[in-house]
């Protein structure tokens, strides 16, 4: 099976509410070298954090 070229890296988006909930996604390190900050829903806190 062919592998990808490797520009993207898997990252873990952890909740800022401290509940331990997280989402996983991938990010291109060349075009976006800074940290991601996204408001996602935390079902344990029952709000967007």
PDB file of N, CA and C in Angstrom:
ATOM      1  N   UNK A   1       0.840  -1.181   0.000  1.00  0.00           N
ATOM      2  CA  UNK A   1       0.000   0.000   0.000  1.00  0.00           C
ATOM      3  C   UNK A   1       0.888   1.248   0.000  1.00  0.00           C
ATOM      4  N   UNK A   2       0.514   2.222  -0.788  1.00  0.00           N
ATOM      5  CA  UNK A   2       1.304   3.451  -0.893  1.00  0.00           C
ATOM      6  C   UNK A   2       1.113   4.316   0.350  1.00  0.00           C
ATOM      7  N   UNK A   3       2.170   5.004   0.734  1.00  0.00           N
ATOM      8  CA  UNK A   3       2.085   5.902   1.887  1.00  0.00           C
ATOM      9  C   UNK A   3       1.978   7.337   1.415  1.00  0.00           C
ATOM     10  N   UNK A   4       1.512   8.205   2.266  1.00  0.00           N
ATOM     11  CA  UNK A   4       1.382   9.619   1.916  1.00  0.00           C
ATOM     12  C   UNK A   4       2.749  10.289   1.950  1.00  0.00           C
ATOM     13  N   UNK A   5       2.829  11.477   1.376  1.00  0.00           N
ATOM     14  CA  UNK A   5       4.103  12.198   1.313  1.00  0.00           C
ATOM     15  C   UNK A   5       4.535  12.713   2.679  1.00  0.00           C
ATOM     16  N   UNK A   6       3.606  12.953   3.588  1.00  0.00           N
ATOM     17  CA  UNK A   6       3.989  13.253   4.952  1.00  0.00           C
ATOM     18  C   UNK A   6       3.911  14.697   5.387  1.00  0.00           C
ATOM     19  N   UNK A   7       3.274  15.591   4.660  1.00  0.00           N
ATOM     20  CA  UNK A   7       3.186  16.982   5.069  1.00  0.00           C
ATOM     21  C   UNK A   7       2.257  17.200   6.242  1.00  0.00           C
ATOM     22  N   UNK A   8       1.318  16.286   6.462  1.00  0.00           N
ATOM     23  CA  UNK A   8       0.330  16.451   7.524  1.00  0.00           C
ATOM     24  C   UNK A   8       0.716  15.615   8.744  1.00  0.00           C
ATOM     25  N   UNK A   9       0.369  16.133   9.908  1.00  0.00           N
ATOM     26  CA  UNK A   9       0.682  15.445  11.157  1.00  0.00           C
ATOM     27  C   UNK A   9      -0.590  15.344  11.990  1.00  0.00           C
ATOM     28  N   UNK A  10      -0.797  14.197  12.629  1.00  0.00           N
ATOM     29  CA  UNK A  10      -1.970  14.022  13.486  1.00  0.00           C
ATOM     30  C   UNK A  10      -1.776  14.805  14.774  1.00  0.00           C
ATOM     31  N   UNK A  11      -2.836  15.501  15.205  1.00  0.00           N
ATOM     32  CA  UNK A  11      -2.775  16.261  16.451  1.00  0.00           C
ATOM     33  C   UNK A  11      -3.996  15.944  17.299  1.00  0.00           C
ATOM     34  N   UNK A  12      -3.908  16.259  18.570  1.00  0.00           N
ATOM     35  CA  UNK A  12      -4.977  16.016  19.533  1.00  0.00           C
ATOM     36  C   UNK A  12      -5.453  17.359  20.062  1.00  0.00           C
ATOM     37  N   UNK A  13      -6.752  17.649  19.892  1.00  0.00           N
ATOM     38  CA  UNK A  13      -7.335  18.895  20.387  1.00  0.00           C
ATOM     39  C   UNK A  13      -7.960  18.601  21.744  1.00  0.00           C
ATOM     40  N   UNK A  14      -7.324  19.025  22.809  1.00  0.00           N
ATOM     41  CA  UNK A  14      -7.808  18.755  24.163  1.00  0.00           C
ATOM     42  C   UNK A  14      -8.717  19.868  24.642  1.00  0.00           C
ATOM     43  N   UNK A  15      -9.705  19.517  25.437  1.00  0.00           N
ATOM     44  CA  UNK A  15     -10.650  20.486  25.982  1.00  0.00           C
ATOM     45  C   UNK A  15      -9.961  21.383  27.006  1.00  0.00           C
ATOM     46  N   UNK A  16     -10.279  22.675  26.966  1.00  0.00           N
ATOM     47  CA  UNK A  16      -9.709  23.612  27.938  1.00  0.00           C
ATOM     48  C   UNK A  16     -10.492  23.607  29.248  1.00  0.00           C
ATOM     49  N   UNK A  17     -11.614  22.880  29.294  1.00  0.00           N
ATOM     50  CA  UNK A  17     -12.412  22.803  30.511  1.00  0.00           C
ATOM     51  C   UNK A  17     -11.804  21.838  31.530  1.00  0.00           C
ATOM     52  N   UNK A  18     -10.822  21.051  31.106  1.00  0.00           N
ATOM     53  CA  UNK A  18     -10.159  20.142  32.034  1.00  0.00           C
ATOM     54  C   UNK A  18     -10.916  18.851  32.289  1.00  0.00           C
ATOM     55  N   UNK A  19     -11.825  18.463  31.390  1.00  0.00           N
ATOM     56  CA  UNK A  19     -12.605  17.244  31.579  1.00  0.00           C
ATOM     57  C   UNK A  19     -11.917  16.016  31.012  1.00  0.00           C
ATOM     58  N   UNK A  20     -10.872  16.215  30.215  1.00  0.00           N
ATOM     59  CA  UNK A  20     -10.170  15.090  29.611  1.00  0.00           C
ATOM     60  C   UNK A  20     -10.697  14.721  28.239  1.00  0.00           C
ATOM     61  N   UNK A  21     -11.728  15.410  27.760  1.00  0.00           N
ATOM     62  CA  UNK A  21     -12.283  15.129  26.437  1.00  0.00           C
ATOM     63  C   UNK A  21     -11.361  15.703  25.367  1.00  0.00           C
ATOM     64  N   UNK A  22     -11.214  14.983  24.231  1.00  0.00           N
ATOM     65  CA  UNK A  22     -10.363  15.479  23.149  1.00  0.00           C
ATOM     66  C   UNK A  22     -10.899  15.032  21.796  1.00  0.00           C
ATOM     67  N   UNK A  23     -10.536  15.770  20.770  1.00  0.00           N
ATOM     68  CA  UNK A  23     -10.798  15.433  19.381  1.00  0.00           C
ATOM     69  C   UNK A  23      -9.449  15.197  18.717  1.00  0.00           C
ATOM     70  N   UNK A  24      -9.411  14.354  17.666  1.00  0.00           N
ATOM     71  CA  UNK A  24      -8.188  14.179  16.895  1.00  0.00           C
ATOM     72  C   UNK A  24      -8.424  14.700  15.493  1.00  0.00           C
ATOM     73  N   UNK A  25      -7.402  15.296  14.919  1.00  0.00           N
ATOM     74  CA  UNK A  25      -7.456  15.825  13.561  1.00  0.00           C
ATOM     75  C   UNK A  25      -6.042  15.852  13.013  1.00  0.00           C
ATOM     76  N   UNK A  26      -5.894  16.324  11.790  1.00  0.00           N
ATOM     77  CA  UNK A  26      -4.557  16.454  11.219  1.00  0.00           C
ATOM     78  C   UNK A  26      -4.326  17.889  10.803  1.00  0.00           C
ATOM     79  N   UNK A  27      -3.055  18.273  10.728  1.00  0.00           N
ATOM     80  CA  UNK A  27      -2.693  19.653  10.442  1.00  0.00           C
ATOM     81  C   UNK A  27      -1.450  19.666   9.563  1.00  0.00           C
ATOM     82  N   UNK A  28      -1.419  20.584   8.602  1.00  0.00           N
ATOM     83  CA  UNK A  28      -0.261  20.730   7.739  1.00  0.00           C
ATOM     84  C   UNK A  28       0.748  21.640   8.434  1.00  0.00           C
ATOM     85  N   UNK A  29       1.908  21.105   8.786  1.00  0.00           N
ATOM     86  CA  UNK A  29       2.918  21.850   9.540  1.00  0.00           C
ATOM     87  C   UNK A  29       3.561  22.970   8.720  1.00  0.00           C
ATOM     88  N   UNK A  30       3.625  22.819   7.387  1.00  0.00           N
ATOM     89  CA  UNK A  30       4.270  23.840   6.553  1.00  0.00           C
ATOM     90  C   UNK A  30       3.413  25.090   6.425  1.00  0.00           C
ATOM     91  N   UNK A  31       2.111  24.925   6.202  1.00  0.00           N
ATOM     92  CA  UNK A  31       1.246  26.084   5.981  1.00  0.00           C
ATOM     93  C   UNK A  31       0.716  26.681   7.269  1.00  0.00           C
ATOM     94  N   UNK A  32       0.721  25.908   8.361  1.00  0.00           N
ATOM     95  CA  UNK A  32       0.166  26.383   9.627  1.00  0.00           C
ATOM     96  C   UNK A  32       1.064  25.943  10.784  1.00  0.00           C
ATOM     97  N   UNK A  33       2.225  26.584  10.959  1.00  0.00           N
ATOM     98  CA  UNK A  33       3.162  26.133  11.995  1.00  0.00           C
ATOM     99  C   UNK A  33       2.742  26.482  13.424  1.00  0.00           C
ATOM    100  N   UNK A  34       1.819  27.444  13.609  1.00  0.00           N
ATOM    101  CA  UNK A  34       1.416  27.851  14.961  1.00  0.00           C
ATOM    102  C   UNK A  34       0.388  26.872  15.547  1.00  0.00           C
ATOM    103  N   UNK A  35       0.103  27.028  16.826  1.00  0.00           N
ATOM    104  CA  UNK A  35      -0.874  26.178  17.501  1.00  0.00           C
ATOM    105  C   UNK A  35      -2.284  26.482  17.016  1.00  0.00           C
ATOM    106  N   UNK A  36      -3.137  25.453  17.000  1.00  0.00           N
ATOM    107  CA  UNK A  36      -4.531  25.633  16.606  1.00  0.00           C
ATOM    108  C   UNK A  36      -5.357  25.987  17.835  1.00  0.00           C
ATOM    109  N   UNK A  37      -6.335  26.841  17.652  1.00  0.00           N
ATOM    110  CA  UNK A  37      -7.248  27.203  18.723  1.00  0.00           C
ATOM    111  C   UNK A  37      -8.655  27.193  18.139  1.00  0.00           C
ATOM    112  N   UNK A  38      -9.408  26.128  18.414  1.00  0.00           N
ATOM    113  CA  UNK A  38     -10.734  25.946  17.831  1.00  0.00           C
ATOM    114  C   UNK A  38     -11.744  25.720  18.948  1.00  0.00           C
ATOM    115  N   UNK A  39     -12.911  26.352  18.842  1.00  0.00           N
ATOM    116  CA  UNK A  39     -13.996  26.120  19.794  1.00  0.00           C
ATOM    117  C   UNK A  39     -14.750  24.854  19.370  1.00  0.00           C
ATOM    118  N   UNK A  40     -14.651  23.786  20.155  1.00  0.00           N
ATOM    119  CA  UNK A  40     -15.349  22.539  19.880  1.00  0.00           C
ATOM    120  C   UNK A  40     -16.239  22.206  21.075  1.00  0.00           C
ATOM    121  N   UNK A  41     -17.262  21.373  20.843  1.00  0.00           N
ATOM    122  CA  UNK A  41     -18.203  21.009  21.899  1.00  0.00           C
ATOM    123  C   UNK A  41     -17.600  19.947  22.805  1.00  0.00           C
ATOM    124  N   UNK A  42     -17.673  20.177  24.107  1.00  0.00           N
ATOM    125  CA  UNK A  42     -17.232  19.216  25.110  1.00  0.00           C
ATOM    126  C   UNK A  42     -18.486  18.615  25.734  1.00  0.00           C
ATOM    127  N   UNK A  43     -18.802  17.348  25.441  1.00  0.00           N
ATOM    128  CA  UNK A  43     -20.030  16.751  25.972  1.00  0.00           C
ATOM    129  C   UNK A  43     -20.017  16.566  27.490  1.00  0.00           C
ATOM    130  N   UNK A  44     -18.851  16.463  28.097  1.00  0.00           N
ATOM    131  CA  UNK A  44     -18.781  16.315  29.553  1.00  0.00           C
ATOM    132  C   UNK A  44     -19.093  17.636  30.247  1.00  0.00           C
ATOM    133  N   UNK A  45     -18.607  18.754  29.671  1.00  0.00           N
ATOM    134  CA  UNK A  45     -18.887  20.080  30.229  1.00  0.00           C
ATOM    135  C   UNK A  45     -20.205  20.632  29.684  1.00  0.00           C
ATOM    136  N   UNK A  46     -20.715  20.028  28.615  1.00  0.00           N
ATOM    137  CA  UNK A  46     -21.964  20.402  27.944  1.00  0.00           C
ATOM    138  C   UNK A  46     -21.941  21.847  27.442  1.00  0.00           C
ATOM    139  N   UNK A  47     -20.800  22.256  26.867  1.00  0.00           N
ATOM    140  CA  UNK A  47     -20.695  23.579  26.252  1.00  0.00           C
ATOM    141  C   UNK A  47     -19.507  23.601  25.294  1.00  0.00           C
ATOM    142  N   UNK A  48     -19.442  24.636  24.472  1.00  0.00           N
ATOM    143  CA  UNK A  48     -18.316  24.830  23.571  1.00  0.00           C
ATOM    144  C   UNK A  48     -17.170  25.478  24.353  1.00  0.00           C
ATOM    145  N   UNK A  49     -16.012  24.848  24.287  1.00  0.00           N
ATOM    146  CA  UNK A  49     -14.836  25.388  24.976  1.00  0.00           C
ATOM    147  C   UNK A  49     -13.661  25.441  24.016  1.00  0.00           C
TER     148      UNK A  49
END
